[in-house]
Amino acid sequence: MALLLFPTRSPSARASAHRAMARAALFSNSSTRTRLKRYNHHMQQARRLEGEEVHHG
């Protein structure tokens, strides 16, 4: 079971937050490999949340 830190946030709001974190990851002070890994992780989460919203909303 996933831990929901902000249970009142809608999946689209959470997806938007993950997209923002993905963009921020691209400009962080880390190696290219780390930045790409973080970007891909957050974009994957955003896509998953958007997919859940389509099925439930």
N, C-alpha and C. Protein backbone atom coordinates (compact mmCIF):
# COMPACT_ATOMS: atom_id res chain seq x y z
N MET A 1 0.84 -1.18 0.00
CA MET A 1 0.00 0.00 0.00
C MET A 1 0.88 1.24 0.00
N ALA A 2 0.54 2.19 -0.84
CA ALA A 2 1.33 3.41 -0.96
C ALA A 2 1.03 4.36 0.19
N LEU A 3 2.05 5.02 0.65
CA LEU A 3 1.91 6.02 1.70
C LEU A 3 1.47 7.33 1.05
N LEU A 4 0.33 7.84 1.45
CA LEU A 4 -0.16 9.10 0.91
C LEU A 4 0.10 10.22 1.91
N LEU A 5 1.04 11.07 1.57
CA LEU A 5 1.36 12.18 2.47
C LEU A 5 0.31 13.28 2.40
N PHE A 6 -0.30 13.45 1.23
CA PHE A 6 -1.31 14.46 1.03
C PHE A 6 -2.55 13.79 0.44
N PRO A 7 -3.34 13.11 1.26
CA PRO A 7 -4.45 12.32 0.72
C PRO A 7 -5.53 13.16 0.04
N THR A 8 -5.57 14.47 0.27
CA THR A 8 -6.61 15.30 -0.33
C THR A 8 -6.24 15.77 -1.73
N ARG A 9 -5.00 15.59 -2.12
CA ARG A 9 -4.59 16.00 -3.46
C ARG A 9 -5.14 15.07 -4.50
N SER A 10 -5.63 15.62 -5.59
CA SER A 10 -6.15 14.81 -6.68
C SER A 10 -4.98 14.20 -7.45
N PRO A 11 -5.23 13.11 -8.16
CA PRO A 11 -4.15 12.50 -8.95
C PRO A 11 -3.57 13.48 -9.98
N SER A 12 -4.40 14.35 -10.56
CA SER A 12 -3.87 15.30 -11.54
C SER A 12 -2.96 16.33 -10.87
N ALA A 13 -3.27 16.73 -9.65
CA ALA A 13 -2.41 17.67 -8.92
C ALA A 13 -1.08 17.01 -8.57
N ARG A 14 -1.15 15.76 -8.17
CA ARG A 14 0.08 15.02 -7.86
C ARG A 14 0.91 14.80 -9.12
N ALA A 15 0.25 14.51 -10.23
CA ALA A 15 0.96 14.32 -11.50
C ALA A 15 1.65 15.62 -11.91
N SER A 16 0.97 16.72 -11.73
CA SER A 16 1.55 18.03 -12.04
C SER A 16 2.78 18.29 -11.17
N ALA A 17 2.70 17.93 -9.91
CA ALA A 17 3.84 18.11 -9.01
C ALA A 17 5.02 17.25 -9.46
N HIS A 18 4.75 16.03 -9.89
CA HIS A 18 5.83 15.16 -10.36
C HIS A 18 6.45 15.70 -11.65
N ARG A 19 5.64 16.29 -12.53
CA ARG A 19 6.20 16.90 -13.73
C ARG A 19 7.11 18.07 -13.36
N ALA A 20 6.72 18.84 -12.36
CA ALA A 20 7.55 19.96 -11.91
C ALA A 20 8.86 19.45 -11.31
N MET A 21 8.77 18.38 -10.53
CA MET A 21 9.99 17.80 -9.96
C MET A 21 10.89 17.24 -11.05
N ALA A 22 10.29 16.69 -12.11
CA ALA A 22 11.07 16.16 -13.23
C ALA A 22 11.84 17.29 -13.91
N ARG A 23 11.17 18.42 -14.14
CA ARG A 23 11.86 19.56 -14.76
C ARG A 23 12.96 20.08 -13.85
N ALA A 24 12.70 20.14 -12.56
CA ALA A 24 13.71 20.61 -11.61
C ALA A 24 14.91 19.68 -11.59
N ALA A 25 14.66 18.37 -11.75
CA ALA A 25 15.75 17.40 -11.72
C ALA A 25 16.74 17.65 -12.86
N LEU A 26 16.24 18.14 -13.99
CA LEU A 26 17.13 18.38 -15.13
C LEU A 26 18.15 19.48 -14.85
N PHE A 27 17.84 20.38 -13.94
CA PHE A 27 18.72 21.51 -13.66
C PHE A 27 19.41 21.43 -12.31
N SER A 28 19.32 20.28 -11.67
CA SER A 28 19.95 20.14 -10.35
C SER A 28 21.46 20.05 -10.49
N ASN A 29 22.14 20.22 -9.40
CA ASN A 29 23.60 20.21 -9.38
C ASN A 29 24.07 18.77 -9.14
N SER A 30 23.81 17.90 -10.11
CA SER A 30 24.17 16.49 -10.03
C SER A 30 24.73 16.05 -11.37
N SER A 31 25.22 14.82 -11.41
CA SER A 31 25.74 14.29 -12.67
C SER A 31 24.60 14.13 -13.67
N THR A 32 24.95 14.06 -14.93
CA THR A 32 23.96 13.88 -15.98
C THR A 32 23.17 12.59 -15.76
N ARG A 33 23.85 11.54 -15.37
CA ARG A 33 23.20 10.25 -15.14
C ARG A 33 22.14 10.37 -14.04
N THR A 34 22.50 11.03 -12.94
CA THR A 34 21.58 11.19 -11.82
C THR A 34 20.40 12.07 -12.21
N ARG A 35 20.67 13.14 -12.93
CA ARG A 35 19.58 14.02 -13.36
C ARG A 35 18.59 13.28 -14.26
N LEU A 36 19.10 12.50 -15.20
CA LEU A 36 18.23 11.75 -16.10
C LEU A 36 17.44 10.69 -15.34
N LYS A 37 18.08 10.04 -14.39
CA LYS A 37 17.39 9.01 -13.58
C LYS A 37 16.24 9.64 -12.80
N ARG A 38 16.49 10.78 -12.18
CA ARG A 38 15.44 11.47 -11.41
C ARG A 38 14.32 11.96 -12.32
N TYR A 39 14.69 12.51 -13.47
CA TYR A 39 13.69 12.97 -14.44
C TYR A 39 12.79 11.82 -14.86
N ASN A 40 13.39 10.71 -15.26
CA ASN A 40 12.61 9.56 -15.71
C ASN A 40 11.72 9.02 -14.61
N HIS A 41 12.22 8.99 -13.39
CA HIS A 41 11.42 8.50 -12.26
C HIS A 41 10.17 9.37 -12.07
N HIS A 42 10.34 10.67 -12.04
CA HIS A 42 9.21 11.56 -11.80
C HIS A 42 8.23 11.56 -12.98
N MET A 43 8.72 11.46 -14.20
CA MET A 43 7.82 11.39 -15.34
C MET A 43 7.04 10.09 -15.33
N GLN A 44 7.67 9.01 -14.92
CA GLN A 44 6.97 7.72 -14.81
C GLN A 44 5.85 7.82 -13.78
N GLN A 45 6.13 8.46 -12.65
CA GLN A 45 5.10 8.62 -11.63
C GLN A 45 3.95 9.49 -12.14
N ALA A 46 4.28 10.55 -12.87
CA ALA A 46 3.24 11.43 -13.41
C ALA A 46 2.35 10.67 -14.40
N ARG A 47 2.96 9.87 -15.26
CA ARG A 47 2.18 9.08 -16.22
C ARG A 47 1.30 8.06 -15.51
N ARG A 48 1.83 7.44 -14.47
CA ARG A 48 1.05 6.46 -13.71
C ARG A 48 -0.15 7.12 -13.06
N LEU A 49 0.05 8.27 -12.46
CA LEU A 49 -1.05 9.00 -11.81
C LEU A 49 -2.10 9.44 -12.81
N GLU A 50 -1.66 9.90 -13.97
CA GLU A 50 -2.62 10.31 -15.00
C GLU A 50 -3.41 9.10 -15.50
N GLY A 51 -2.76 7.95 -15.61
CA GLY A 51 -3.44 6.74 -16.01
C GLY A 51 -4.47 6.30 -15.00
N GLU A 52 -4.14 6.44 -13.72
CA GLU A 52 -5.11 6.09 -12.66
C GLU A 52 -6.31 7.01 -12.73
N GLU A 53 -6.08 8.27 -13.01
CA GLU A 53 -7.18 9.24 -13.06
C GLU A 53 -8.13 8.91 -14.22
N VAL A 54 -7.58 8.49 -15.34
CA VAL A 54 -8.40 8.13 -16.49
C VAL A 54 -9.29 6.94 -16.16
N HIS A 55 -8.73 5.96 -15.45
CA HIS A 55 -9.50 4.75 -15.12
C HIS A 55 -10.52 5.00 -14.00
N HIS A 56 -10.20 5.91 -13.07
CA HIS A 56 -11.09 6.14 -11.92
C HIS A 56 -11.95 7.38 -12.07
N GLY A 57 -11.54 8.31 -12.88
CA GLY A 57 -12.26 9.57 -12.96
C GLY A 57 -13.07 9.64 -14.16
